[in-house]
Structure formats: C-alpha cells, structure tokens
Amino acid sequence: MPAPELRPDERALLDSLLRERGRDPGSFRIALQADGLVRLSGPRGTAFYPRDTWPTRFARHLDKAFFDAAVRPLPVRQPDTAPAAPF
C-alpha cells in the first residue's frame, strides 16, 4: 500500500502561510503520516495536526512563534564604574 500524500494545494497553502508571515518555506517540511496526521517540522520543532484542521492550527502556532529559532538574549550592560566627569 503506498504512503499517503498531501495534495498539491495543501503544499501550496503551507508555502503561502509561511510567506505571509515572513518565514522561509524552504526551512519547513510537511508530510502526511500513515495515521492521517499532518507532520510539520520547522527550525525549532515538529508538530502533528489533524488533516482537516492543520492550516488554522499551524497558522496560530506560527503567529505565536512556536517554530522560530531561539534568539539569544542581548548581554546586560554593566554600569560604568568610573566617576562622572565634572561639568
């Protein structure tokens, strides 16, 4: 029995969702599993969605930055220890 496949319009929808939200479609992978779930993998994780609702759920997760690469926090600036110059 052949593995289930996504329709071309589903792949196009994924690309559209990613581009609309400023993401690179090449950094995400989508696949339909044998159990019927859609598996989506991005730079920072993988999620599984029911086939009939994956677009709205995935879009919500994109908007919440669940798949974005972790951002390193900026270093905390240390206060100057030298005395202030007189005016």
PDB file of N, CA and C in Angstrom:
ATOM      1  N   MET A   1       0.853  -1.185   0.000  1.00  0.00           N
ATOM      2  CA  MET A   1       0.000   0.000   0.000  1.00  0.00           C
ATOM      3  C   MET A   1       0.900   1.250   0.000  1.00  0.00           C
ATOM      4  N   PRO A   2       0.681   2.194  -0.927  1.00  0.00           N
ATOM      5  CA  PRO A   2       1.521   3.391  -0.980  1.00  0.00           C
ATOM      6  C   PRO A   2       1.263   4.306   0.215  1.00  0.00           C
ATOM      7  N   ALA A   3       2.298   5.056   0.570  1.00  0.00           N
ATOM      8  CA  ALA A   3       2.170   6.012   1.673  1.00  0.00           C
ATOM      9  C   ALA A   3       1.210   7.131   1.271  1.00  0.00           C
ATOM     10  N   PRO A   4       0.414   7.629   2.208  1.00  0.00           N
ATOM     11  CA  PRO A   4      -0.495   8.734   1.875  1.00  0.00           C
ATOM     12  C   PRO A   4       0.304   9.990   1.521  1.00  0.00           C
ATOM     13  N   GLU A   5      -0.263  10.798   0.655  1.00  0.00           N
ATOM     14  CA  GLU A   5       0.414  12.018   0.229  1.00  0.00           C
ATOM     15  C   GLU A   5      -0.498  13.221   0.380  1.00  0.00           C
ATOM     16  N   LEU A   6       0.112  14.361   0.570  1.00  0.00           N
ATOM     17  CA  LEU A   6      -0.630  15.609   0.596  1.00  0.00           C
ATOM     18  C   LEU A   6      -0.950  16.039  -0.826  1.00  0.00           C
ATOM     19  N   ARG A   7      -2.042  16.738  -0.974  1.00  0.00           N
ATOM     20  CA  ARG A   7      -2.415  17.270  -2.286  1.00  0.00           C
ATOM     21  C   ARG A   7      -1.523  18.482  -2.608  1.00  0.00           C
ATOM     22  N   PRO A   8      -1.330  18.758  -3.876  1.00  0.00           N
ATOM     23  CA  PRO A   8      -0.529  19.929  -4.256  1.00  0.00           C
ATOM     24  C   PRO A   8      -1.066  21.239  -3.670  1.00  0.00           C
ATOM     25  N   ASP A   9      -2.406  21.363  -3.557  1.00  0.00           N
ATOM     26  CA  ASP A   9      -2.960  22.597  -2.994  1.00  0.00           C
ATOM     27  C   ASP A   9      -2.634  22.741  -1.506  1.00  0.00           C
ATOM     28  N   GLU A  10      -2.461  21.610  -0.793  1.00  0.00           N
ATOM     29  CA  GLU A  10      -2.073  21.681   0.616  1.00  0.00           C
ATOM     30  C   GLU A  10      -0.632  22.173   0.753  1.00  0.00           C
ATOM     31  N   ARG A  11       0.228  21.705  -0.133  1.00  0.00           N
ATOM     32  CA  ARG A  11       1.627  22.173  -0.114  1.00  0.00           C
ATOM     33  C   ARG A  11       1.693  23.665  -0.466  1.00  0.00           C
ATOM     34  N   ALA A  12       0.882  24.076  -1.436  1.00  0.00           N
ATOM     35  CA  ALA A  12       0.841  25.493  -1.812  1.00  0.00           C
ATOM     36  C   ALA A  12       0.317  26.344  -0.653  1.00  0.00           C
ATOM     37  N   LEU A  13      -0.656  25.827   0.084  1.00  0.00           N
ATOM     38  CA  LEU A  13      -1.190  26.542   1.238  1.00  0.00           C
ATOM     39  C   LEU A  13      -0.106  26.732   2.297  1.00  0.00           C
ATOM     40  N   LEU A  14       0.686  25.702   2.543  1.00  0.00           N
ATOM     41  CA  LEU A  14       1.783  25.821   3.512  1.00  0.00           C
ATOM     42  C   LEU A  14       2.738  26.926   3.078  1.00  0.00           C
ATOM     43  N   ASP A  15       3.160  26.914   1.820  1.00  0.00           N
ATOM     44  CA  ASP A  15       4.078  27.947   1.334  1.00  0.00           C
ATOM     45  C   ASP A  15       3.474  29.332   1.508  1.00  0.00           C
ATOM     46  N   SER A  16       2.195  29.474   1.211  1.00  0.00           N
ATOM     47  CA  SER A  16       1.515  30.758   1.347  1.00  0.00           C
ATOM     48  C   SER A  16       1.471  31.213   2.806  1.00  0.00           C
ATOM     49  N   LEU A  17       1.110  30.307   3.708  1.00  0.00           N
ATOM     50  CA  LEU A  17       1.070  30.649   5.135  1.00  0.00           C
ATOM     51  C   LEU A  17       2.435  31.123   5.618  1.00  0.00           C
ATOM     52  N   LEU A  18       3.484  30.448   5.169  1.00  0.00           N
ATOM     53  CA  LEU A  18       4.835  30.801   5.612  1.00  0.00           C
ATOM     54  C   LEU A  18       5.264  32.153   5.040  1.00  0.00           C
ATOM     55  N   ARG A  19       5.038  32.366   3.763  1.00  0.00           N
ATOM     56  CA  ARG A  19       5.448  33.635   3.145  1.00  0.00           C
ATOM     57  C   ARG A  19       4.692  34.822   3.741  1.00  0.00           C
ATOM     58  N   GLU A  20       3.383  34.646   3.976  1.00  0.00           N
ATOM     59  CA  GLU A  20       2.575  35.732   4.550  1.00  0.00           C
ATOM     60  C   GLU A  20       3.085  36.154   5.922  1.00  0.00           C
ATOM     61  N   ARG A  21       3.725  35.238   6.609  1.00  0.00           N
ATOM     62  CA  ARG A  21       4.212  35.517   7.955  1.00  0.00           C
ATOM     63  C   ARG A  21       5.727  35.722   7.987  1.00  0.00           C
ATOM     64  N   GLY A  22       6.328  35.932   6.813  1.00  0.00           N
ATOM     65  CA  GLY A  22       7.744  36.259   6.741  1.00  0.00           C
ATOM     66  C   GLY A  22       8.693  35.104   7.011  1.00  0.00           C
ATOM     67  N   ARG A  23       8.229  33.881   6.837  1.00  0.00           N
ATOM     68  CA  ARG A  23       9.079  32.709   7.061  1.00  0.00           C
ATOM     69  C   ARG A  23       9.541  32.149   5.727  1.00  0.00           C
ATOM     70  N   ASP A  24      10.655  31.449   5.743  1.00  0.00           N
ATOM     71  CA  ASP A  24      11.221  30.820   4.557  1.00  0.00           C
ATOM     72  C   ASP A  24      10.579  29.452   4.364  1.00  0.00           C
ATOM     73  N   PRO A  25       9.822  29.244   3.292  1.00  0.00           N
ATOM     74  CA  PRO A  25       9.195  27.936   3.069  1.00  0.00           C
ATOM     75  C   PRO A  25      10.200  26.789   2.995  1.00  0.00           C
ATOM     76  N   GLY A  26      11.419  27.083   2.578  1.00  0.00           N
ATOM     77  CA  GLY A  26      12.436  26.035   2.493  1.00  0.00           C
ATOM     78  C   GLY A  26      12.907  25.517   3.834  1.00  0.00           C
ATOM     79  N   SER A  27      12.591  26.221   4.915  1.00  0.00           N
ATOM     80  CA  SER A  27      13.036  25.786   6.242  1.00  0.00           C
ATOM     81  C   SER A  27      11.985  24.936   6.962  1.00  0.00           C
ATOM     82  N   PHE A  28      10.870  24.638   6.277  1.00  0.00           N
ATOM     83  CA  PHE A  28       9.817  23.812   6.865  1.00  0.00           C
ATOM     84  C   PHE A  28       9.589  22.581   6.003  1.00  0.00           C
ATOM     85  N   ARG A  29       9.218  21.495   6.649  1.00  0.00           N
ATOM     86  CA  ARG A  29       8.888  20.242   5.962  1.00  0.00           C
ATOM     87  C   ARG A  29       7.493  19.807   6.398  1.00  0.00           C
ATOM     88  N   ILE A  30       6.729  19.288   5.446  1.00  0.00           N
ATOM     89  CA  ILE A  30       5.380  18.799   5.732  1.00  0.00           C
ATOM     90  C   ILE A  30       5.258  17.385   5.183  1.00  0.00           C
ATOM     91  N   ALA A  31       4.544  16.542   5.915  1.00  0.00           N
ATOM     92  CA  ALA A  31       4.318  15.164   5.469  1.00  0.00           C
ATOM     93  C   ALA A  31       2.999  14.672   6.052  1.00  0.00           C
ATOM     94  N   LEU A  32       2.352  13.795   5.318  1.00  0.00           N
ATOM     95  CA  LEU A  32       1.136  13.144   5.807  1.00  0.00           C
ATOM     96  C   LEU A  32       1.534  11.761   6.291  1.00  0.00           C
ATOM     97  N   GLN A  33       1.251  11.493   7.546  1.00  0.00           N
ATOM     98  CA  GLN A  33       1.613  10.206   8.133  1.00  0.00           C
ATOM     99  C   GLN A  33       0.560   9.143   7.822  1.00  0.00           C
ATOM    100  N   ALA A  34       0.944   7.905   8.019  1.00  0.00           N
ATOM    101  CA  ALA A  34       0.033   6.778   7.780  1.00  0.00           C
ATOM    102  C   ALA A  34      -1.209   6.848   8.680  1.00  0.00           C
ATOM    103  N   ASP A  35      -1.071   7.451   9.862  1.00  0.00           N
ATOM    104  CA  ASP A  35      -2.211   7.554  10.780  1.00  0.00           C
ATOM    105  C   ASP A  35      -3.133   8.725  10.441  1.00  0.00           C
ATOM    106  N   GLY A  36      -2.815   9.478   9.366  1.00  0.00           N
ATOM    107  CA  GLY A  36      -3.664  10.576   8.928  1.00  0.00           C
ATOM    108  C   GLY A  36      -3.289  11.937   9.483  1.00  0.00           C
ATOM    109  N   LEU A  37      -2.325  11.979  10.396  1.00  0.00           N
ATOM    110  CA  LEU A  37      -1.898  13.264  10.938  1.00  0.00           C
ATOM    111  C   LEU A  37      -0.917  13.942   9.987  1.00  0.00           C
ATOM    112  N   VAL A  38      -0.972  15.259   9.975  1.00  0.00           N
ATOM    113  CA  VAL A  38      -0.014  16.050   9.205  1.00  0.00           C
ATOM    114  C   VAL A  38       1.145  16.391  10.141  1.00  0.00           C
ATOM    115  N   ARG A  39       2.360  16.062   9.696  1.00  0.00           N
ATOM    116  CA  ARG A  39       3.564  16.364  10.492  1.00  0.00           C
ATOM    117  C   ARG A  39       4.255  17.558   9.861  1.00  0.00           C
ATOM    118  N   LEU A  40       4.446  18.622  10.649  1.00  0.00           N
ATOM    119  CA  LEU A  40       5.129  19.826  10.197  1.00  0.00           C
ATOM    120  C   LEU A  40       6.366  20.050  11.045  1.00  0.00           C
ATOM    121  N   SER A  41       7.497  20.194  10.379  1.00  0.00           N
ATOM    122  CA  SER A  41       8.765  20.424  11.069  1.00  0.00           C
ATOM    123  C   SER A  41       9.342  21.747  10.617  1.00  0.00           C
ATOM    124  N   GLY A  42       9.838  22.514  11.584  1.00  0.00           N
ATOM    125  CA  GLY A  42      10.442  23.807  11.302  1.00  0.00           C
ATOM    126  C   GLY A  42      11.788  23.929  11.971  1.00  0.00           C
ATOM    127  N   PRO A  43      12.353  25.141  11.977  1.00  0.00           N
ATOM    128  CA  PRO A  43      13.674  25.348  12.553  1.00  0.00           C
ATOM    129  C   PRO A  43      13.775  24.951  14.027  1.00  0.00           C
ATOM    130  N   ARG A  44      12.651  24.987  14.722  1.00  0.00           N
ATOM    131  CA  ARG A  44      12.714  24.691  16.153  1.00  0.00           C
ATOM    132  C   ARG A  44      11.590  23.759  16.591  1.00  0.00           C
ATOM    133  N   GLY A  45      11.450  22.655  15.904  1.00  0.00           N
ATOM    134  CA  GLY A  45      10.487  21.690  16.391  1.00  0.00           C
ATOM    135  C   GLY A  45       9.601  21.088  15.328  1.00  0.00           C
ATOM    136  N   THR A  46       8.816  20.134  15.799  1.00  0.00           N
ATOM    137  CA  THR A  46       7.878  19.401  14.958  1.00  0.00           C
ATOM    138  C   THR A  46       6.544  19.341  15.686  1.00  0.00           C
ATOM    139  N   ALA A  47       5.473  19.458  14.918  1.00  0.00           N
ATOM    140  CA  ALA A  47       4.132  19.362  15.493  1.00  0.00           C
ATOM    141  C   ALA A  47       3.286  18.467  14.592  1.00  0.00           C
ATOM    142  N   PHE A  48       2.254  17.890  15.182  1.00  0.00           N
ATOM    143  CA  PHE A  48       1.354  16.982  14.482  1.00  0.00           C
ATOM    144  C   PHE A  48      -0.059  17.536  14.586  1.00  0.00           C
ATOM    145  N   TYR A  49      -0.762  17.564  13.447  1.00  0.00           N
ATOM    146  CA  TYR A  49      -2.088  18.149  13.401  1.00  0.00           C
ATOM    147  C   TYR A  49      -3.051  17.211  12.677  1.00  0.00           C
ATOM    148  N   PRO A  50      -4.342  17.225  13.068  1.00  0.00           N
ATOM    149  CA  PRO A  50      -5.346  16.513  12.268  1.00  0.00           C
ATOM    150  C   PRO A  50      -5.386  17.129  10.871  1.00  0.00           C
ATOM    151  N   ARG A  51      -5.567  16.314   9.875  1.00  0.00           N
ATOM    152  CA  ARG A  51      -5.514  16.804   8.495  1.00  0.00           C
ATOM    153  C   ARG A  51      -6.548  17.887   8.208  1.00  0.00           C
ATOM    154  N   ASP A  52      -7.724  17.761   8.758  1.00  0.00           N
ATOM    155  CA  ASP A  52      -8.780  18.720   8.418  1.00  0.00           C
ATOM    156  C   ASP A  52      -8.615  20.089   9.075  1.00  0.00           C
ATOM    157  N   THR A  53      -7.769  20.205  10.086  1.00  0.00           N
ATOM    158  CA  THR A  53      -7.602  21.497  10.775  1.00  0.00           C
ATOM    159  C   THR A  53      -6.161  21.986  10.813  1.00  0.00           C
ATOM    160  N   TRP A  54      -5.250  21.322  10.118  1.00  0.00           N
ATOM    161  CA  TRP A  54      -3.848  21.719  10.247  1.00  0.00           C
ATOM    162  C   TRP A  54      -3.573  23.159   9.833  1.00  0.00           C
ATOM    163  N   PRO A  55      -4.218  23.701   8.778  1.00  0.00           N
ATOM    164  CA  PRO A  55      -3.853  25.074   8.391  1.00  0.00           C
ATOM    165  C   PRO A  55      -4.109  26.112   9.487  1.00  0.00           C
ATOM    166  N   THR A  56      -5.269  26.063  10.123  1.00  0.00           N
ATOM    167  CA  THR A  56      -5.577  27.070  11.140  1.00  0.00           C
ATOM    168  C   THR A  56      -4.740  26.871  12.395  1.00  0.00           C
ATOM    169  N   ARG A  57      -4.535  25.639  12.780  1.00  0.00           N
ATOM    170  CA  ARG A  57      -3.722  25.380  13.976  1.00  0.00           C
ATOM    171  C   ARG A  57      -2.268  25.750  13.745  1.00  0.00           C
ATOM    172  N   PHE A  58      -1.743  25.383  12.579  1.00  0.00           N
ATOM    173  CA  PHE A  58      -0.361  25.705  12.260  1.00  0.00           C
ATOM    174  C   PHE A  58      -0.173  27.219  12.177  1.00  0.00           C
ATOM    175  N   ALA A  59      -1.111  27.929  11.539  1.00  0.00           N
ATOM    176  CA  ALA A  59      -1.018  29.384  11.439  1.00  0.00           C
ATOM    177  C   ALA A  59      -0.993  30.022  12.822  1.00  0.00           C
ATOM    178  N   ARG A  60      -1.823  29.521  13.714  1.00  0.00           N
ATOM    179  CA  ARG A  60      -1.848  30.046  15.087  1.00  0.00           C
ATOM    180  C   ARG A  60      -0.502  29.829  15.765  1.00  0.00           C
ATOM    181  N   HIS A  61       0.089  28.659  15.573  1.00  0.00           N
ATOM    182  CA  HIS A  61       1.393  28.372  16.168  1.00  0.00           C
ATOM    183  C   HIS A  61       2.493  29.228  15.549  1.00  0.00           C
ATOM    184  N   LEU A  62       2.399  29.492  14.244  1.00  0.00           N
ATOM    185  CA  LEU A  62       3.369  30.396  13.608  1.00  0.00           C
ATOM    186  C   LEU A  62       3.272  31.787  14.218  1.00  0.00           C
ATOM    187  N   ASP A  63       2.042  32.267  14.387  1.00  0.00           N
ATOM    188  CA  ASP A  63       1.836  33.602  14.944  1.00  0.00           C
ATOM    189  C   ASP A  63       2.369  33.713  16.368  1.00  0.00           C
ATOM    190  N   LYS A  64       2.403  32.610  17.077  1.00  0.00           N
ATOM    191  CA  LYS A  64       2.928  32.608  18.448  1.00  0.00           C
ATOM    192  C   LYS A  64       4.422  32.283  18.482  1.00  0.00           C
ATOM    193  N   ALA A  65       5.044  32.160  17.302  1.00  0.00           N
ATOM    194  CA  ALA A  65       6.492  31.931  17.158  1.00  0.00           C
ATOM    195  C   ALA A  65       6.953  30.591  17.713  1.00  0.00           C
ATOM    196  N   PHE A  66       6.069  29.591  17.736  1.00  0.00           N
ATOM    197  CA  PHE A  66       6.451  28.280  18.260  1.00  0.00           C
ATOM    198  C   PHE A  66       7.551  27.615  17.441  1.00  0.00           C
ATOM    199  N   PHE A  67       7.639  27.937  16.148  1.00  0.00           N
ATOM    200  CA  PHE A  67       8.615  27.285  15.283  1.00  0.00           C
ATOM    201  C   PHE A  67       9.852  28.136  15.035  1.00  0.00           C
ATOM    202  N   ASP A  68       9.891  29.343  15.546  1.00  0.00           N
ATOM    203  CA  ASP A  68      11.029  30.222  15.291  1.00  0.00           C
ATOM    204  C   ASP A  68      12.263  29.740  16.040  1.00  0.00           C
ATOM    205  N   ALA A  69      13.397  29.985  15.425  1.00  0.00           N
ATOM    206  CA  ALA A  69      14.663  29.636  16.078  1.00  0.00           C
ATOM    207  C   ALA A  69      14.801  30.451  17.352  1.00  0.00           C
ATOM    208  N   ALA A  70      15.401  29.854  18.340  1.00  0.00           N
ATOM    209  CA  ALA A  70      15.607  30.552  19.607  1.00  0.00           C
ATOM    210  C   ALA A  70      16.523  31.754  19.385  1.00  0.00           C
ATOM    211  N   VAL A  71      16.215  32.834  20.045  1.00  0.00           N
ATOM    212  CA  VAL A  71      17.006  34.053  19.934  1.00  0.00           C
ATOM    213  C   VAL A  71      17.812  34.216  21.208  1.00  0.00           C
ATOM    214  N   ARG A  72      19.096  34.433  21.021  1.00  0.00           N
ATOM    215  CA  ARG A  72      19.970  34.643  22.178  1.00  0.00           C
ATOM    216  C   ARG A  72      19.699  36.016  22.763  1.00  0.00           C
ATOM    217  N   PRO A  73      19.521  36.108  24.075  1.00  0.00           N
ATOM    218  CA  PRO A  73      19.265  37.421  24.675  1.00  0.00           C
ATOM    219  C   PRO A  73      20.507  38.309  24.575  1.00  0.00           C
ATOM    220  N   LEU A  74      20.269  39.597  24.486  1.00  0.00           N
ATOM    221  CA  LEU A  74      21.383  40.544  24.458  1.00  0.00           C
ATOM    222  C   LEU A  74      22.065  40.568  25.822  1.00  0.00           C
ATOM    223  N   PRO A  75      23.376  40.785  25.826  1.00  0.00           N
ATOM    224  CA  PRO A  75      24.059  40.854  27.132  1.00  0.00           C
ATOM    225  C   PRO A  75      23.581  42.064  27.923  1.00  0.00           C
ATOM    226  N   VAL A  76      23.582  41.919  29.212  1.00  0.00           N
ATOM    227  CA  VAL A  76      23.176  43.009  30.098  1.00  0.00           C
ATOM    228  C   VAL A  76      24.340  43.976  30.206  1.00  0.00           C
ATOM    229  N   ARG A  77      24.055  45.238  29.982  1.00  0.00           N
ATOM    230  CA  ARG A  77      25.113  46.249  30.060  1.00  0.00           C
ATOM    231  C   ARG A  77      25.421  46.538  31.513  1.00  0.00           C
ATOM    232  N   GLN A  78      26.688  46.500  31.826  1.00  0.00           N
ATOM    233  CA  GLN A  78      27.140  46.798  33.189  1.00  0.00           C
ATOM    234  C   GLN A  78      27.270  48.308  33.357  1.00  0.00           C
ATOM    235  N   PRO A  79      26.901  48.825  34.509  1.00  0.00           N
ATOM    236  CA  PRO A  79      27.032  50.271  34.722  1.00  0.00           C
ATOM    237  C   PRO A  79      28.507  50.664  34.764  1.00  0.00           C
ATOM    238  N   ASP A  80      28.777  51.872  34.307  1.00  0.00           N
ATOM    239  CA  ASP A  80      30.149  52.382  34.361  1.00  0.00           C
ATOM    240  C   ASP A  80      30.557  52.539  35.813  1.00  0.00           C
ATOM    241  N   THR A  81      31.795  52.154  36.110  1.00  0.00           N
ATOM    242  CA  THR A  81      32.283  52.284  37.489  1.00  0.00           C
ATOM    243  C   THR A  81      33.146  53.526  37.645  1.00  0.00           C
ATOM    244  N   ALA A  82      33.493  54.171  36.540  1.00  0.00           N
ATOM    245  CA  ALA A  82      34.312  55.389  36.623  1.00  0.00           C
ATOM    246  C   ALA A  82      33.441  56.560  37.081  1.00  0.00           C
ATOM    247  N   PRO A  83      34.005  57.457  37.876  1.00  0.00           N
ATOM    248  CA  PRO A  83      33.217  58.616  38.325  1.00  0.00           C
ATOM    249  C   PRO A  83      32.852  59.502  37.139  1.00  0.00           C
ATOM    250  N   ALA A  84      31.749  60.149  37.226  1.00  0.00           N
ATOM    251  CA  ALA A  84      31.290  61.041  36.171  1.00  0.00           C
ATOM    252  C   ALA A  84      32.197  62.241  36.080  1.00  0.00           C
ATOM    253  N   ALA A  85      32.412  62.733  34.879  1.00  0.00           N
ATOM    254  CA  ALA A  85      33.259  63.914  34.675  1.00  0.00           C
ATOM    255  C   ALA A  85      32.515  65.159  35.151  1.00  0.00           C
ATOM    256  N   PRO A  86      33.243  66.100  35.773  1.00  0.00           N
ATOM    257  CA  PRO A  86      32.586  67.337  36.213  1.00  0.00           C
ATOM    258  C   PRO A  86      32.230  68.199  35.005  1.00  0.00           C
ATOM    259  N   PHE A  87      31.205  69.004  35.141  1.00  0.00           N
ATOM    260  CA  PHE A  87      30.775  69.886  34.050  1.00  0.00           C
ATOM    261  C   PHE A  87      31.392  71.211  34.198  1.00  0.00           C
TER     262      PHE A  87
END
